[in-house]
């Protein structure tokens, strides 16, 4: 059973930056599509960004494009999310998700991902 664990959340002022990491339990995930979702209080969990196994395809939600950057280091079984120019509306619990697929596309639907982390809180103060 693949496990993914997020780290790096916290409190930051608007306009600031924060980095998240997601480490998988084993090297089989090097072939997985990896993604970040987020869920704000009272809202549905939404797609933020995702990356295919070789970083050949990267997708971003419009709301974070040009501010967030996803990357991965397959040697470390780790995916990163660098968040810049943070806004209060970025406040949410951020979840790492994994999909066992060599897809060349990044699905944006929650049900396409079988493995989920516990989430890490990101709070952006105004």
Protein backbone atom coordinates (compact mmCIF):
# COMPACT_ATOMS: atom_id res chain seq x y z
CA UNK A 1 0.00 0.00 0.00
CA UNK A 2 1.53 3.28 -1.12
CA UNK A 3 1.60 6.02 1.47
CA UNK A 4 2.28 9.70 0.87
CA UNK A 5 3.08 12.21 3.58
CA UNK A 6 2.96 15.98 3.26
CA UNK A 7 5.10 18.44 5.17
CA UNK A 8 5.87 22.13 5.18
CA UNK A 9 2.58 23.84 5.91
CA UNK A 10 2.28 26.81 8.20
CA UNK A 11 1.28 30.43 8.63
CA UNK A 12 2.49 33.13 6.26
CA UNK A 13 1.54 36.71 5.49
CA UNK A 14 -0.08 37.67 2.23
CA UNK A 15 2.53 38.12 -0.46
CA UNK A 16 4.85 35.64 1.19
CA UNK A 17 6.11 32.23 0.10
CA UNK A 18 5.85 28.72 1.43
CA UNK A 19 7.09 25.34 0.24
CA UNK A 20 5.41 21.98 0.66
CA UNK A 21 6.86 18.51 0.22
CA UNK A 22 5.22 15.16 -0.38
CA UNK A 23 7.25 12.02 0.15
CA UNK A 24 6.07 8.61 -0.95
CA UNK A 25 6.70 5.39 0.93
CA UNK A 26 8.41 3.53 -1.90
CA UNK A 27 10.05 3.95 -5.25
CA UNK A 28 7.14 2.52 -7.27
CA UNK A 29 5.70 6.01 -7.21
CA UNK A 30 8.35 7.22 -9.66
CA UNK A 31 5.91 6.14 -12.38
CA UNK A 32 2.91 7.81 -10.76
CA UNK A 33 1.15 11.02 -11.62
CA UNK A 34 1.43 13.21 -8.53
CA UNK A 35 -0.83 16.11 -7.67
CA UNK A 36 -1.74 18.66 -5.05
CA UNK A 37 -5.32 19.40 -4.09
CA UNK A 38 -6.62 21.80 -1.46
CA UNK A 39 -9.75 22.17 0.61
CA UNK A 40 -10.83 25.38 2.27
CA UNK A 41 -13.41 25.38 5.07
CA UNK A 42 -16.88 24.81 3.69
CA UNK A 43 -15.65 24.17 0.17
CA UNK A 44 -15.00 21.14 -1.99
CA UNK A 45 -11.53 19.75 -2.44
CA UNK A 46 -10.09 21.28 -5.60
CA UNK A 47 -7.23 20.51 -7.94
CA UNK A 48 -4.22 22.80 -7.58
CA UNK A 49 -1.47 21.29 -9.72
CA UNK A 50 -0.14 17.97 -10.98
CA UNK A 51 2.87 16.46 -12.69
CA UNK A 52 3.44 13.31 -14.72
CA UNK A 53 6.15 10.79 -13.90
CA UNK A 54 8.83 12.43 -16.04
CA UNK A 55 7.54 16.00 -15.65
CA UNK A 56 6.60 15.91 -19.30
CA UNK A 57 3.18 17.32 -18.47
CA UNK A 58 2.43 19.81 -15.72
CA UNK A 59 -0.98 21.31 -15.08
CA UNK A 60 -2.07 24.19 -12.86
CA UNK A 61 -5.41 25.54 -11.78
CA UNK A 62 -5.98 29.02 -13.18
CA UNK A 63 -6.11 30.43 -9.66
CA UNK A 64 -2.49 29.48 -8.94
CA UNK A 65 -0.89 29.73 -12.37
CA UNK A 66 2.26 31.88 -12.39
CA UNK A 67 2.40 31.79 -8.56
CA UNK A 68 2.82 28.11 -7.73
CA UNK A 69 5.41 25.69 -9.07
CA UNK A 70 5.33 21.91 -8.84
CA UNK A 71 8.41 19.75 -9.26
CA UNK A 72 9.53 16.25 -8.41
CA UNK A 73 12.70 14.39 -7.53
CA UNK A 74 12.16 10.74 -8.37
CA UNK A 75 15.42 9.73 -6.70
CA UNK A 76 13.90 10.94 -3.42
CA UNK A 77 10.31 9.82 -4.12
CA UNK A 78 9.34 13.43 -3.40
CA UNK A 79 7.15 16.05 -5.00
CA UNK A 80 7.44 19.71 -4.14
CA UNK A 81 5.06 22.65 -4.28
CA UNK A 82 6.57 26.11 -4.16
CA UNK A 83 3.94 28.76 -3.45
CA UNK A 84 4.77 32.41 -4.04
CA UNK A 85 2.72 35.60 -3.83
CA UNK A 86 0.33 33.87 -1.47
CA UNK A 87 -3.15 35.29 -0.97
CA UNK A 88 -5.63 34.83 1.89
CA UNK A 89 -7.80 32.81 -0.48
CA UNK A 90 -5.00 30.24 -0.72
CA UNK A 91 -5.74 29.29 2.88
CA UNK A 92 -6.68 25.62 2.94
CA UNK A 93 -5.58 22.15 3.87
CA UNK A 94 -3.29 20.97 1.10
CA UNK A 95 -3.32 17.32 0.12
CA UNK A 96 -0.86 15.30 -1.88
CA UNK A 97 -2.37 12.68 -4.18
CA UNK A 98 -0.92 9.91 -6.30
CA UNK A 99 -2.23 8.07 -9.34
CA UNK A 100 -0.69 4.80 -10.48
CA UNK A 101 -0.38 5.59 -14.15
CA UNK A 102 2.16 6.37 -16.84
CA UNK A 103 -0.34 8.84 -18.27
CA UNK A 104 0.90 11.72 -20.32
CA UNK A 105 -1.94 13.81 -18.96
CA UNK A 106 -2.67 15.08 -15.45
CA UNK A 107 -6.22 14.31 -14.33
CA UNK A 108 -7.88 17.07 -12.33
CA UNK A 109 -10.68 14.98 -10.83
CA UNK A 110 -10.34 13.74 -7.27
CA UNK A 111 -11.59 10.25 -8.07
CA UNK A 112 -8.69 9.66 -10.46
CA UNK A 113 -6.25 9.50 -7.54
CA UNK A 114 -6.13 6.42 -5.33
CA UNK A 115 -3.57 7.50 -2.76
CA UNK A 116 -3.88 10.52 -0.49
CA UNK A 117 -1.91 12.08 2.30
CA UNK A 118 -3.38 13.39 5.54
CA UNK A 119 -3.03 16.99 4.49
CA UNK A 120 -1.11 19.98 5.78
CA UNK A 121 -2.59 23.32 6.79
CA UNK A 122 -1.60 26.47 4.94
CA UNK A 123 -2.87 29.73 6.41
CA UNK A 124 -2.29 33.07 4.70
CA UNK A 125 -3.01 36.12 6.82
CA UNK A 126 -4.03 39.45 5.30
